[in-house]
N, C-alpha and C. Protein backbone atom coordinates (compact mmCIF):
# COMPACT_ATOMS: atom_id res chain seq x y z
N MET A 1 56.21 90.22 88.79
CA MET A 1 56.32 90.57 87.37
C MET A 1 57.76 90.42 86.91
N ALA A 2 57.94 90.09 85.63
CA ALA A 2 59.26 89.78 85.09
C ALA A 2 60.21 90.97 85.16
N PHE A 3 59.69 92.18 84.81
CA PHE A 3 60.58 93.34 84.79
C PHE A 3 61.05 93.72 86.19
N VAL A 4 60.20 93.45 87.19
CA VAL A 4 60.58 93.73 88.58
C VAL A 4 61.70 92.78 89.01
N SER A 5 61.58 91.52 88.62
CA SER A 5 62.62 90.54 88.94
C SER A 5 63.93 90.92 88.28
N GLY A 6 63.83 91.43 87.04
CA GLY A 6 65.03 91.85 86.33
C GLY A 6 65.70 93.03 87.01
N ARG A 7 64.91 93.99 87.45
CA ARG A 7 65.46 95.16 88.14
C ARG A 7 66.07 94.75 89.48
N ARG A 8 65.44 93.80 90.16
CA ARG A 8 65.99 93.32 91.44
C ARG A 8 67.33 92.61 91.21
N THR A 9 67.40 91.81 90.17
CA THR A 9 68.65 91.11 89.85
C THR A 9 69.75 92.11 89.50
N PHE A 10 69.39 93.12 88.71
CA PHE A 10 70.37 94.15 88.33
C PHE A 10 70.86 94.91 89.55
N ALA A 11 69.95 95.23 90.46
CA ALA A 11 70.31 95.96 91.68
C ALA A 11 71.31 95.17 92.52
N ASN A 12 71.04 93.90 92.71
CA ASN A 12 71.93 93.08 93.53
C ASN A 12 73.27 92.84 92.84
N LEU A 13 73.25 92.80 91.50
CA LEU A 13 74.50 92.69 90.75
C LEU A 13 75.35 93.95 90.95
N MET A 14 74.71 95.11 90.90
CA MET A 14 75.42 96.37 91.08
C MET A 14 75.97 96.51 92.49
N LYS A 15 75.23 95.99 93.47
CA LYS A 15 75.72 96.01 94.85
C LYS A 15 77.05 95.26 94.93
N TYR A 16 77.06 94.07 94.35
CA TYR A 16 78.26 93.24 94.41
C TYR A 16 79.43 93.91 93.70
N ILE A 17 79.18 94.44 92.51
CA ILE A 17 80.26 95.02 91.72
C ILE A 17 80.81 96.28 92.39
N LYS A 18 79.92 97.16 92.86
CA LYS A 18 80.38 98.39 93.50
C LYS A 18 81.10 98.09 94.82
N LEU A 19 80.62 97.10 95.53
CA LEU A 19 81.30 96.68 96.76
C LEU A 19 82.69 96.17 96.43
N ALA A 20 82.79 95.34 95.42
CA ALA A 20 84.07 94.74 95.05
C ALA A 20 85.07 95.79 94.57
N VAL A 21 84.65 96.67 93.66
CA VAL A 21 85.61 97.63 93.10
C VAL A 21 86.07 98.64 94.14
N SER A 22 85.17 99.07 95.03
CA SER A 22 85.54 100.08 96.01
C SER A 22 86.45 99.51 97.09
N PHE A 23 86.09 98.35 97.64
CA PHE A 23 86.90 97.77 98.71
C PHE A 23 88.22 97.21 98.18
N ASN A 24 88.20 96.64 97.00
CA ASN A 24 89.46 96.13 96.43
C ASN A 24 90.42 97.27 96.11
N PHE A 25 89.87 98.37 95.58
CA PHE A 25 90.70 99.54 95.30
C PHE A 25 91.29 100.09 96.60
N GLY A 26 90.45 100.16 97.64
CA GLY A 26 90.91 100.66 98.92
C GLY A 26 91.96 99.77 99.55
N GLU A 27 91.74 98.45 99.44
CA GLU A 27 92.67 97.51 100.06
C GLU A 27 94.02 97.51 99.35
N VAL A 28 93.99 97.55 98.02
CA VAL A 28 95.24 97.60 97.26
C VAL A 28 96.03 98.86 97.62
N THR A 29 95.33 99.98 97.71
CA THR A 29 95.97 101.24 98.09
C THR A 29 96.60 101.14 99.47
N SER A 30 95.85 100.53 100.40
CA SER A 30 96.33 100.40 101.78
C SER A 30 97.57 99.52 101.86
N VAL A 31 97.55 98.41 101.14
CA VAL A 31 98.68 97.48 101.16
C VAL A 31 99.93 98.13 100.58
N ILE A 32 99.75 98.91 99.50
CA ILE A 32 100.89 99.59 98.88
C ILE A 32 101.49 100.61 99.85
N ILE A 33 100.62 101.41 100.48
CA ILE A 33 101.10 102.42 101.43
C ILE A 33 101.79 101.76 102.62
N ALA A 34 101.16 100.71 103.15
CA ALA A 34 101.73 100.02 104.31
C ALA A 34 103.06 99.36 103.97
N SER A 35 103.16 98.81 102.77
CA SER A 35 104.40 98.14 102.34
C SER A 35 105.55 99.13 102.25
N VAL A 36 105.22 100.38 101.93
CA VAL A 36 106.25 101.42 101.84
C VAL A 36 106.66 101.91 103.24
N LEU A 37 105.68 102.06 104.12
CA LEU A 37 105.93 102.65 105.43
C LEU A 37 106.40 101.65 106.49
N LEU A 38 105.96 100.40 106.36
CA LEU A 38 106.29 99.39 107.37
C LEU A 38 107.52 98.57 106.94
N PRO A 39 108.25 98.02 107.90
CA PRO A 39 109.42 97.20 107.57
C PRO A 39 109.07 95.76 107.20
N PHE A 40 107.75 95.51 107.02
CA PHE A 40 107.31 94.17 106.64
C PHE A 40 105.97 94.29 105.92
N LEU A 41 105.53 93.21 105.28
CA LEU A 41 104.24 93.19 104.60
C LEU A 41 103.11 93.13 105.64
N PRO A 42 102.05 93.93 105.48
CA PRO A 42 100.95 93.91 106.44
C PRO A 42 100.15 92.62 106.40
N ILE A 43 100.27 91.88 105.29
CA ILE A 43 99.58 90.60 105.15
C ILE A 43 100.30 89.78 104.08
N THR A 44 100.37 88.47 104.28
CA THR A 44 101.05 87.61 103.31
C THR A 44 100.08 87.17 102.23
N PRO A 45 100.58 86.70 101.09
CA PRO A 45 99.70 86.25 100.01
C PRO A 45 98.68 85.19 100.43
N ILE A 46 99.11 84.18 101.21
CA ILE A 46 98.20 83.12 101.61
C ILE A 46 97.14 83.66 102.58
N GLN A 47 97.54 84.58 103.45
CA GLN A 47 96.57 85.19 104.36
C GLN A 47 95.56 86.02 103.59
N LEU A 48 96.02 86.72 102.57
CA LEU A 48 95.14 87.53 101.75
C LEU A 48 94.14 86.67 100.99
N LEU A 49 94.58 85.51 100.53
CA LEU A 49 93.69 84.59 99.82
C LEU A 49 92.57 84.07 100.73
N VAL A 50 92.95 83.67 101.94
CA VAL A 50 91.95 83.16 102.89
C VAL A 50 91.01 84.29 103.31
N GLN A 51 91.56 85.46 103.54
CA GLN A 51 90.76 86.63 103.90
C GLN A 51 89.75 86.93 102.80
N SER A 52 90.22 86.95 101.56
CA SER A 52 89.34 87.23 100.42
C SER A 52 88.25 86.17 100.28
N LEU A 53 88.62 84.92 100.54
CA LEU A 53 87.63 83.83 100.45
C LEU A 53 86.51 84.04 101.45
N LEU A 54 86.84 84.45 102.66
CA LEU A 54 85.84 84.63 103.70
C LEU A 54 84.86 85.74 103.36
N TYR A 55 85.38 86.92 102.98
CA TYR A 55 84.40 87.98 102.71
C TYR A 55 83.73 87.82 101.35
N ASP A 56 84.36 87.09 100.43
CA ASP A 56 83.69 86.79 99.16
C ASP A 56 82.49 85.87 99.38
N LEU A 57 82.62 84.95 100.33
CA LEU A 57 81.50 84.07 100.66
C LEU A 57 80.31 84.89 101.17
N GLY A 58 80.61 85.93 101.93
CA GLY A 58 79.54 86.81 102.40
C GLY A 58 78.92 87.58 101.27
N GLN A 59 79.73 88.07 100.35
CA GLN A 59 79.22 88.83 99.21
C GLN A 59 78.39 87.97 98.26
N LEU A 60 78.67 86.68 98.23
CA LEU A 60 77.93 85.78 97.34
C LEU A 60 76.47 85.59 97.78
N THR A 61 76.11 86.08 98.96
CA THR A 61 74.71 86.00 99.40
C THR A 61 73.89 87.19 98.87
N LEU A 62 74.56 88.18 98.27
CA LEU A 62 73.86 89.37 97.79
C LEU A 62 72.79 89.08 96.73
N PRO A 63 72.92 88.04 95.89
CA PRO A 63 71.84 87.75 94.94
C PRO A 63 70.50 87.47 95.62
N TYR A 64 70.53 87.09 96.90
CA TYR A 64 69.31 86.80 97.64
C TYR A 64 68.82 88.01 98.44
N ASP A 65 69.51 89.14 98.31
CA ASP A 65 69.23 90.29 99.15
C ASP A 65 67.93 90.98 98.77
N ASN A 66 67.38 91.69 99.75
CA ASN A 66 66.21 92.54 99.49
C ASN A 66 66.65 93.79 98.74
N VAL A 67 65.75 94.36 97.98
CA VAL A 67 66.02 95.58 97.23
C VAL A 67 64.98 96.63 97.62
N ASP A 68 65.44 97.84 97.88
CA ASP A 68 64.53 98.92 98.27
C ASP A 68 63.50 99.16 97.17
N GLU A 69 62.25 99.36 97.58
CA GLU A 69 61.16 99.53 96.63
C GLU A 69 61.39 100.72 95.69
N GLU A 70 62.00 101.77 96.20
CA GLU A 70 62.24 102.96 95.38
C GLU A 70 63.13 102.64 94.18
N TYR A 71 64.04 101.72 94.36
CA TYR A 71 64.98 101.37 93.29
C TYR A 71 64.26 100.65 92.15
N LEU A 72 63.17 99.97 92.47
CA LEU A 72 62.47 99.14 91.48
C LEU A 72 61.45 99.92 90.64
N LYS A 73 61.27 101.19 90.94
CA LYS A 73 60.23 101.96 90.26
C LYS A 73 60.56 102.26 88.80
N GLU A 74 61.87 102.34 88.48
CA GLU A 74 62.25 102.64 87.11
C GLU A 74 63.51 101.86 86.73
N PRO A 75 63.70 101.58 85.45
CA PRO A 75 64.89 100.81 85.02
C PRO A 75 66.18 101.60 85.20
N LYS A 76 67.27 100.89 85.44
CA LYS A 76 68.58 101.50 85.60
C LYS A 76 69.48 101.10 84.44
N LYS A 77 70.48 101.93 84.17
CA LYS A 77 71.40 101.66 83.08
C LYS A 77 72.77 101.29 83.61
N TRP A 78 73.44 100.39 82.87
CA TRP A 78 74.83 100.03 83.19
C TRP A 78 75.72 101.21 82.84
N SER A 79 76.58 101.63 83.78
CA SER A 79 77.43 102.80 83.53
C SER A 79 78.82 102.59 84.12
N ILE A 80 79.81 102.56 83.25
CA ILE A 80 81.20 102.46 83.70
C ILE A 80 81.59 103.71 84.48
N LYS A 81 81.09 104.85 84.06
CA LYS A 81 81.38 106.11 84.75
C LYS A 81 80.88 106.07 86.18
N SER A 82 79.71 105.49 86.37
CA SER A 82 79.15 105.36 87.72
C SER A 82 80.04 104.49 88.59
N LEU A 83 80.53 103.39 88.03
CA LEU A 83 81.43 102.50 88.78
C LEU A 83 82.73 103.21 89.15
N LYS A 84 83.26 103.98 88.19
CA LYS A 84 84.51 104.71 88.44
C LYS A 84 84.32 105.75 89.53
N ASN A 85 83.21 106.49 89.46
CA ASN A 85 82.94 107.50 90.49
C ASN A 85 82.83 106.86 91.87
N PHE A 86 82.13 105.74 91.93
CA PHE A 86 81.93 105.05 93.20
C PHE A 86 83.26 104.53 93.75
N MET A 87 84.05 103.93 92.89
CA MET A 87 85.34 103.38 93.31
C MET A 87 86.27 104.47 93.83
N LEU A 88 86.33 105.59 93.11
CA LEU A 88 87.24 106.67 93.49
C LEU A 88 86.74 107.45 94.70
N PHE A 89 85.46 107.31 95.02
CA PHE A 89 84.90 108.01 96.18
C PHE A 89 84.96 107.14 97.44
N MET A 90 84.45 105.91 97.34
CA MET A 90 84.37 105.05 98.51
C MET A 90 85.66 104.27 98.77
N GLY A 91 86.43 104.00 97.72
CA GLY A 91 87.67 103.26 97.89
C GLY A 91 88.65 103.96 98.82
N PRO A 92 88.98 105.23 98.54
CA PRO A 92 89.89 105.96 99.43
C PRO A 92 89.36 106.09 100.85
N LEU A 93 88.03 106.16 101.00
CA LEU A 93 87.46 106.25 102.35
C LEU A 93 87.79 105.00 103.16
N SER A 94 87.60 103.82 102.54
CA SER A 94 87.92 102.58 103.26
C SER A 94 89.42 102.48 103.52
N SER A 95 90.22 103.02 102.60
CA SER A 95 91.67 103.00 102.78
C SER A 95 92.08 103.87 103.96
N CYS A 96 91.38 104.99 104.16
CA CYS A 96 91.67 105.86 105.30
C CYS A 96 91.49 105.12 106.62
N PHE A 97 90.46 104.30 106.68
CA PHE A 97 90.23 103.55 107.91
C PHE A 97 91.24 102.41 108.07
N ASP A 98 91.72 101.89 106.96
CA ASP A 98 92.82 100.92 107.04
C ASP A 98 94.04 101.59 107.67
N MET A 99 94.28 102.85 107.29
CA MET A 99 95.41 103.58 107.85
C MET A 99 95.23 103.82 109.35
N ILE A 100 93.97 104.01 109.76
CA ILE A 100 93.68 104.17 111.19
C ILE A 100 94.04 102.90 111.93
N VAL A 101 93.75 101.75 111.31
CA VAL A 101 94.09 100.46 111.93
C VAL A 101 95.60 100.32 112.02
N PHE A 102 96.29 100.61 110.93
CA PHE A 102 97.76 100.51 110.95
C PHE A 102 98.35 101.40 112.04
N ALA A 103 97.85 102.63 112.11
CA ALA A 103 98.37 103.58 113.10
C ALA A 103 98.06 103.12 114.52
N SER A 104 96.87 102.56 114.73
CA SER A 104 96.49 102.08 116.06
C SER A 104 97.38 100.92 116.50
N ILE A 105 97.62 99.99 115.58
CA ILE A 105 98.46 98.84 115.89
C ILE A 105 99.88 99.29 116.23
N TRP A 106 100.39 100.22 115.42
CA TRP A 106 101.80 100.62 115.54
C TRP A 106 102.06 101.58 116.70
N PHE A 107 101.17 102.61 116.82
CA PHE A 107 101.44 103.66 117.80
C PHE A 107 100.71 103.48 119.13
N ILE A 108 99.44 103.06 119.09
CA ILE A 108 98.67 102.91 120.33
C ILE A 108 99.02 101.62 121.06
N PHE A 109 99.03 100.51 120.31
CA PHE A 109 99.34 99.22 120.94
C PHE A 109 100.83 98.89 120.87
N SER A 110 101.58 99.72 120.14
CA SER A 110 103.05 99.55 120.03
C SER A 110 103.44 98.13 119.61
N ILE A 111 102.71 97.60 118.64
CA ILE A 111 102.98 96.23 118.17
C ILE A 111 104.03 96.28 117.06
N ARG A 112 105.09 95.53 117.27
CA ARG A 112 106.16 95.45 116.28
C ARG A 112 106.33 94.03 115.74
N ASP A 113 105.63 93.09 116.36
CA ASP A 113 105.71 91.70 115.93
C ASP A 113 104.95 91.52 114.62
N VAL A 114 105.60 90.94 113.64
CA VAL A 114 105.02 90.81 112.31
C VAL A 114 103.75 89.97 112.32
N THR A 115 103.79 88.80 112.93
CA THR A 115 102.64 87.89 112.90
C THR A 115 101.43 88.47 113.64
N THR A 116 101.68 89.17 114.73
CA THR A 116 100.58 89.80 115.48
C THR A 116 99.92 90.88 114.63
N PHE A 117 100.75 91.69 113.99
CA PHE A 117 100.26 92.75 113.11
C PHE A 117 99.40 92.15 112.00
N GLN A 118 99.91 91.13 111.35
CA GLN A 118 99.20 90.49 110.24
C GLN A 118 97.90 89.83 110.69
N THR A 119 97.91 89.29 111.90
CA THR A 119 96.71 88.63 112.42
C THR A 119 95.58 89.62 112.64
N ILE A 120 95.91 90.76 113.23
CA ILE A 120 94.90 91.80 113.46
C ILE A 120 94.35 92.30 112.12
N TRP A 121 95.26 92.53 111.17
CA TRP A 121 94.85 93.03 109.85
C TRP A 121 93.98 92.00 109.14
N PHE A 122 94.30 90.71 109.29
CA PHE A 122 93.52 89.65 108.67
C PHE A 122 92.07 89.68 109.15
N SER A 123 91.88 89.66 110.46
CA SER A 123 90.53 89.62 111.02
C SER A 123 89.78 90.92 110.74
N TYR A 124 90.48 92.04 110.89
CA TYR A 124 89.85 93.33 110.63
C TYR A 124 89.38 93.43 109.18
N GLY A 125 90.19 92.96 108.24
CA GLY A 125 89.85 93.05 106.83
C GLY A 125 88.54 92.37 106.50
N VAL A 126 88.31 91.21 107.08
CA VAL A 126 87.06 90.47 106.83
C VAL A 126 85.88 91.19 107.46
N VAL A 127 86.02 91.55 108.72
CA VAL A 127 84.92 92.20 109.44
C VAL A 127 84.55 93.53 108.79
N SER A 128 85.54 94.32 108.42
CA SER A 128 85.27 95.63 107.83
C SER A 128 84.56 95.51 106.47
N ASN A 129 84.94 94.52 105.68
CA ASN A 129 84.29 94.31 104.39
C ASN A 129 82.84 93.87 104.55
N LEU A 130 82.60 92.99 105.51
CA LEU A 130 81.24 92.49 105.71
C LEU A 130 80.34 93.55 106.33
N VAL A 131 80.89 94.38 107.20
CA VAL A 131 80.12 95.49 107.76
C VAL A 131 79.87 96.53 106.67
N GLY A 132 80.90 96.82 105.88
CA GLY A 132 80.77 97.79 104.80
C GLY A 132 79.74 97.37 103.76
N MET A 133 79.58 96.07 103.59
CA MET A 133 78.60 95.55 102.64
C MET A 133 77.20 96.08 102.96
N HIS A 134 76.89 96.21 104.23
CA HIS A 134 75.55 96.67 104.62
C HIS A 134 75.38 98.17 104.40
N ILE A 135 76.48 98.92 104.41
CA ILE A 135 76.40 100.34 104.08
C ILE A 135 76.16 100.52 102.58
N ILE A 136 76.84 99.71 101.78
CA ILE A 136 76.80 99.86 100.33
C ILE A 136 75.53 99.29 99.71
N ARG A 137 74.92 98.30 100.34
CA ARG A 137 73.79 97.61 99.72
C ARG A 137 72.53 98.45 99.60
N THR A 138 72.47 99.59 100.23
CA THR A 138 71.27 100.42 100.18
C THR A 138 71.63 101.91 100.24
N ALA A 139 70.81 102.72 99.61
CA ALA A 139 70.99 104.17 99.68
C ALA A 139 70.45 104.72 100.99
N LYS A 140 69.71 103.90 101.71
CA LYS A 140 69.12 104.30 102.98
C LYS A 140 70.05 103.96 104.14
N LYS A 141 69.57 104.21 105.36
CA LYS A 141 70.33 103.84 106.54
C LYS A 141 70.15 102.34 106.78
N PRO A 142 71.22 101.57 106.73
CA PRO A 142 71.08 100.12 106.96
C PRO A 142 70.65 99.82 108.38
N PHE A 143 70.01 98.69 108.55
CA PHE A 143 69.55 98.19 109.85
C PHE A 143 68.36 98.98 110.40
N VAL A 144 68.13 100.19 109.88
CA VAL A 144 67.05 101.03 110.40
C VAL A 144 65.97 101.25 109.34
N GLU A 145 66.38 101.83 108.20
CA GLU A 145 65.44 102.13 107.13
C GLU A 145 65.39 101.04 106.08
N SER A 146 66.42 100.21 106.01
CA SER A 146 66.47 99.14 105.00
C SER A 146 67.16 97.92 105.60
N ASN A 147 66.45 96.82 105.60
CA ASN A 147 67.00 95.58 106.15
C ASN A 147 67.40 94.62 105.04
N ALA A 148 68.55 93.98 105.24
CA ALA A 148 69.02 92.97 104.30
C ALA A 148 68.24 91.68 104.48
N ASN A 149 68.37 90.80 103.52
CA ASN A 149 67.78 89.47 103.64
C ASN A 149 68.43 88.73 104.82
N LYS A 150 67.70 87.85 105.46
CA LYS A 150 68.22 87.11 106.61
C LYS A 150 69.48 86.32 106.27
N ILE A 151 69.56 85.84 105.03
CA ILE A 151 70.74 85.10 104.60
C ILE A 151 71.98 86.00 104.61
N VAL A 152 71.79 87.24 104.17
CA VAL A 152 72.90 88.20 104.15
C VAL A 152 73.33 88.54 105.57
N TYR A 153 72.37 88.76 106.45
CA TYR A 153 72.69 89.03 107.85
C TYR A 153 73.44 87.85 108.47
N ALA A 154 72.90 86.66 108.26
CA ALA A 154 73.49 85.46 108.86
C ALA A 154 74.92 85.24 108.38
N SER A 155 75.15 85.37 107.09
CA SER A 155 76.49 85.16 106.55
C SER A 155 77.47 86.18 107.09
N SER A 156 77.02 87.43 107.23
CA SER A 156 77.90 88.49 107.74
C SER A 156 78.34 88.19 109.17
N ILE A 157 77.39 87.77 109.99
CA ILE A 157 77.69 87.49 111.40
C ILE A 157 78.58 86.26 111.53
N ILE A 158 78.20 85.18 110.85
CA ILE A 158 78.93 83.92 110.95
C ILE A 158 80.36 84.06 110.44
N LEU A 159 80.51 84.69 109.28
CA LEU A 159 81.85 84.83 108.69
C LEU A 159 82.74 85.80 109.48
N SER A 160 82.14 86.81 110.09
CA SER A 160 82.91 87.72 110.94
C SER A 160 83.44 86.97 112.16
N ILE A 161 82.59 86.13 112.75
CA ILE A 161 83.01 85.33 113.90
C ILE A 161 84.12 84.36 113.50
N ILE A 162 83.97 83.74 112.33
CA ILE A 162 84.99 82.82 111.84
C ILE A 162 86.32 83.55 111.66
N ALA A 163 86.27 84.76 111.09
CA ALA A 163 87.49 85.54 110.86
C ALA A 163 88.21 85.86 112.16
N ILE A 164 87.44 86.06 113.23
CA ILE A 164 88.04 86.37 114.53
C ILE A 164 88.59 85.10 115.18
N ILE A 165 87.95 83.96 114.91
CA ILE A 165 88.34 82.70 115.53
C ILE A 165 89.50 82.02 114.81
N VAL A 166 89.60 82.20 113.50
CA VAL A 166 90.62 81.50 112.69
C VAL A 166 92.03 81.57 113.29
N PRO A 167 92.49 82.73 113.79
CA PRO A 167 93.85 82.78 114.35
C PRO A 167 94.10 81.81 115.52
N TYR A 168 93.02 81.36 116.16
CA TYR A 168 93.15 80.45 117.30
C TYR A 168 93.06 78.99 116.89
N THR A 169 92.99 78.74 115.58
CA THR A 169 92.82 77.37 115.07
C THR A 169 94.06 76.88 114.36
N ALA A 170 94.03 75.60 113.98
CA ALA A 170 95.15 75.01 113.24
C ALA A 170 95.31 75.68 111.89
N LEU A 171 94.19 76.07 111.25
CA LEU A 171 94.27 76.77 109.97
C LEU A 171 95.03 78.08 110.13
N GLY A 172 94.74 78.79 111.21
CA GLY A 172 95.43 80.03 111.47
C GLY A 172 96.93 79.84 111.59
N THR A 173 97.31 78.78 112.28
CA THR A 173 98.74 78.47 112.46
C THR A 173 99.40 78.18 111.12
N VAL A 174 98.69 77.42 110.28
CA VAL A 174 99.22 77.04 108.97
C VAL A 174 99.49 78.27 108.09
N ILE A 175 98.61 79.27 108.15
CA ILE A 175 98.77 80.44 107.29
C ILE A 175 99.54 81.57 107.98
N GLY A 176 100.10 81.27 109.15
CA GLY A 176 100.98 82.24 109.81
C GLY A 176 100.33 83.22 110.75
N LEU A 177 99.14 82.90 111.25
CA LEU A 177 98.47 83.76 112.22
C LEU A 177 98.76 83.28 113.64
N VAL A 178 98.53 84.16 114.60
CA VAL A 178 98.78 83.81 116.01
C VAL A 178 97.58 84.19 116.87
N SER A 179 97.49 83.58 118.04
CA SER A 179 96.42 83.91 118.98
C SER A 179 96.70 85.29 119.58
N ASN A 180 95.71 86.15 119.55
CA ASN A 180 95.89 87.52 120.05
C ASN A 180 95.07 87.76 121.32
N PRO A 181 95.50 88.69 122.15
CA PRO A 181 94.71 89.07 123.32
C PRO A 181 93.34 89.61 122.91
N ILE A 182 92.35 89.41 123.74
CA ILE A 182 90.99 89.86 123.44
C ILE A 182 90.93 91.38 123.27
N SER A 183 91.86 92.10 123.90
CA SER A 183 91.84 93.56 123.83
C SER A 183 91.96 94.08 122.40
N TYR A 184 92.55 93.29 121.51
CA TYR A 184 92.71 93.72 120.13
C TYR A 184 91.39 93.74 119.37
N LEU A 185 90.35 93.17 119.98
CA LEU A 185 89.03 93.21 119.35
C LEU A 185 88.52 94.65 119.25
N SER A 186 89.08 95.54 120.07
CA SER A 186 88.68 96.95 120.01
C SER A 186 89.01 97.54 118.65
N ILE A 187 90.07 97.03 118.03
CA ILE A 187 90.42 97.48 116.67
C ILE A 187 89.58 96.74 115.65
N ILE A 188 89.52 95.43 115.78
CA ILE A 188 88.86 94.57 114.79
C ILE A 188 87.37 94.90 114.67
N ILE A 189 86.73 95.24 115.77
CA ILE A 189 85.29 95.53 115.76
C ILE A 189 85.02 97.04 115.82
N GLY A 190 85.83 97.75 116.59
CA GLY A 190 85.58 99.18 116.80
C GLY A 190 85.75 100.02 115.55
N VAL A 191 86.82 99.78 114.79
CA VAL A 191 87.07 100.60 113.60
C VAL A 191 85.99 100.39 112.53
N PRO A 192 85.53 99.16 112.26
CA PRO A 192 84.42 99.00 111.30
C PRO A 192 83.15 99.73 111.72
N ILE A 193 82.88 99.79 113.02
CA ILE A 193 81.71 100.54 113.49
C ILE A 193 81.89 102.03 113.21
N LEU A 194 83.10 102.52 113.46
CA LEU A 194 83.42 103.92 113.17
C LEU A 194 83.28 104.19 111.68
N TYR A 195 83.73 103.23 110.86
CA TYR A 195 83.59 103.37 109.41
C TYR A 195 82.13 103.51 109.02
N CYS A 196 81.26 102.72 109.62
CA CYS A 196 79.83 102.78 109.32
C CYS A 196 79.29 104.19 109.55
N ILE A 197 79.66 104.78 110.67
CA ILE A 197 79.15 106.11 111.02
C ILE A 197 79.62 107.14 110.00
N VAL A 198 80.91 107.11 109.68
CA VAL A 198 81.45 108.09 108.72
C VAL A 198 80.91 107.82 107.32
N ALA A 199 80.78 106.55 106.95
CA ALA A 199 80.30 106.20 105.61
C ALA A 199 78.86 106.65 105.38
N LEU A 200 78.06 106.71 106.43
CA LEU A 200 76.69 107.19 106.29
C LEU A 200 76.67 108.66 105.84
N PHE A 201 77.57 109.46 106.40
CA PHE A 201 77.68 110.86 105.99
C PHE A 201 78.26 110.96 104.57
N ALA A 202 79.24 110.10 104.28
CA ALA A 202 79.83 110.09 102.95
C ALA A 202 78.79 109.70 101.90
N LYS A 203 77.92 108.80 102.28
CA LYS A 203 76.86 108.36 101.36
C LYS A 203 75.95 109.53 100.99
N LYS A 204 75.59 110.35 101.95
CA LYS A 204 74.74 111.51 101.69
C LYS A 204 75.43 112.48 100.72
N ILE A 205 76.72 112.68 100.93
CA ILE A 205 77.48 113.58 100.06
C ILE A 205 77.54 113.03 98.64
N TYR A 206 77.77 111.72 98.53
CA TYR A 206 77.86 111.08 97.21
C TYR A 206 76.53 111.18 96.47
N ILE A 207 75.44 110.87 97.15
CA ILE A 207 74.12 110.90 96.52
C ILE A 207 73.77 112.32 96.08
N LYS A 208 74.11 113.29 96.92
CA LYS A 208 73.85 114.70 96.58
C LYS A 208 74.65 115.12 95.36
N LYS A 209 75.89 114.61 95.25
CA LYS A 209 76.76 115.00 94.16
C LYS A 209 76.43 114.29 92.86
N TYR A 210 76.15 112.99 92.92
CA TYR A 210 75.95 112.19 91.70
C TYR A 210 74.49 111.81 91.46
N GLY A 211 73.62 112.03 92.43
CA GLY A 211 72.22 111.73 92.23
C GLY A 211 71.87 110.26 92.19
N GLU A 212 72.75 109.42 92.70
CA GLU A 212 72.50 107.98 92.71
C GLU A 212 73.36 107.34 93.79
N TRP A 213 73.10 106.05 94.01
CA TRP A 213 73.96 105.29 94.92
C TRP A 213 74.31 103.96 94.27
N ILE A 214 73.34 103.08 94.13
CA ILE A 214 73.57 101.79 93.47
C ILE A 214 73.20 101.87 92.00
């Protein structure tokens, strides 16, 4: 039916917008904080552009995503207030995990080399955004209670792998990345998994407080 297709399109549009505003707000906050605390930039402009391109490609598959049946039962309204609430709630949460990455690189791994630091942040940024996309795309538990479209799953996996591999390629060299030890994958993959766990609890709090998710 036409109205169902319209509601599905609106839902997937809201997923993209809320994902973009929350993660972009969080990333900008993280970069500002890191730029103040660190003796160098956590990521260069060209690295940020390539990083953004990779996770934007993943987000562009959201128009093909599945939508929970509960969401389609009634029409939804466009609300700037809803976007603001979501951005101010989920954005700082993602920024907190960025700080965990910065602290892990600096204090646990004792990394002081600029290019190594930027390389880890580059790969982590893509993986965390693509993993976070699955938390944000549904009010339910992702992977268990609500499954994304196969295209969304495939793009998330492929682009995450590409983000991890890029530093070992000629493209990585051109944009100032370096080959890192495999042990650093504990940050690149481990922290996004931790984010998923915490974000699930944050999602419950948000829904209880605002009565909505997407």
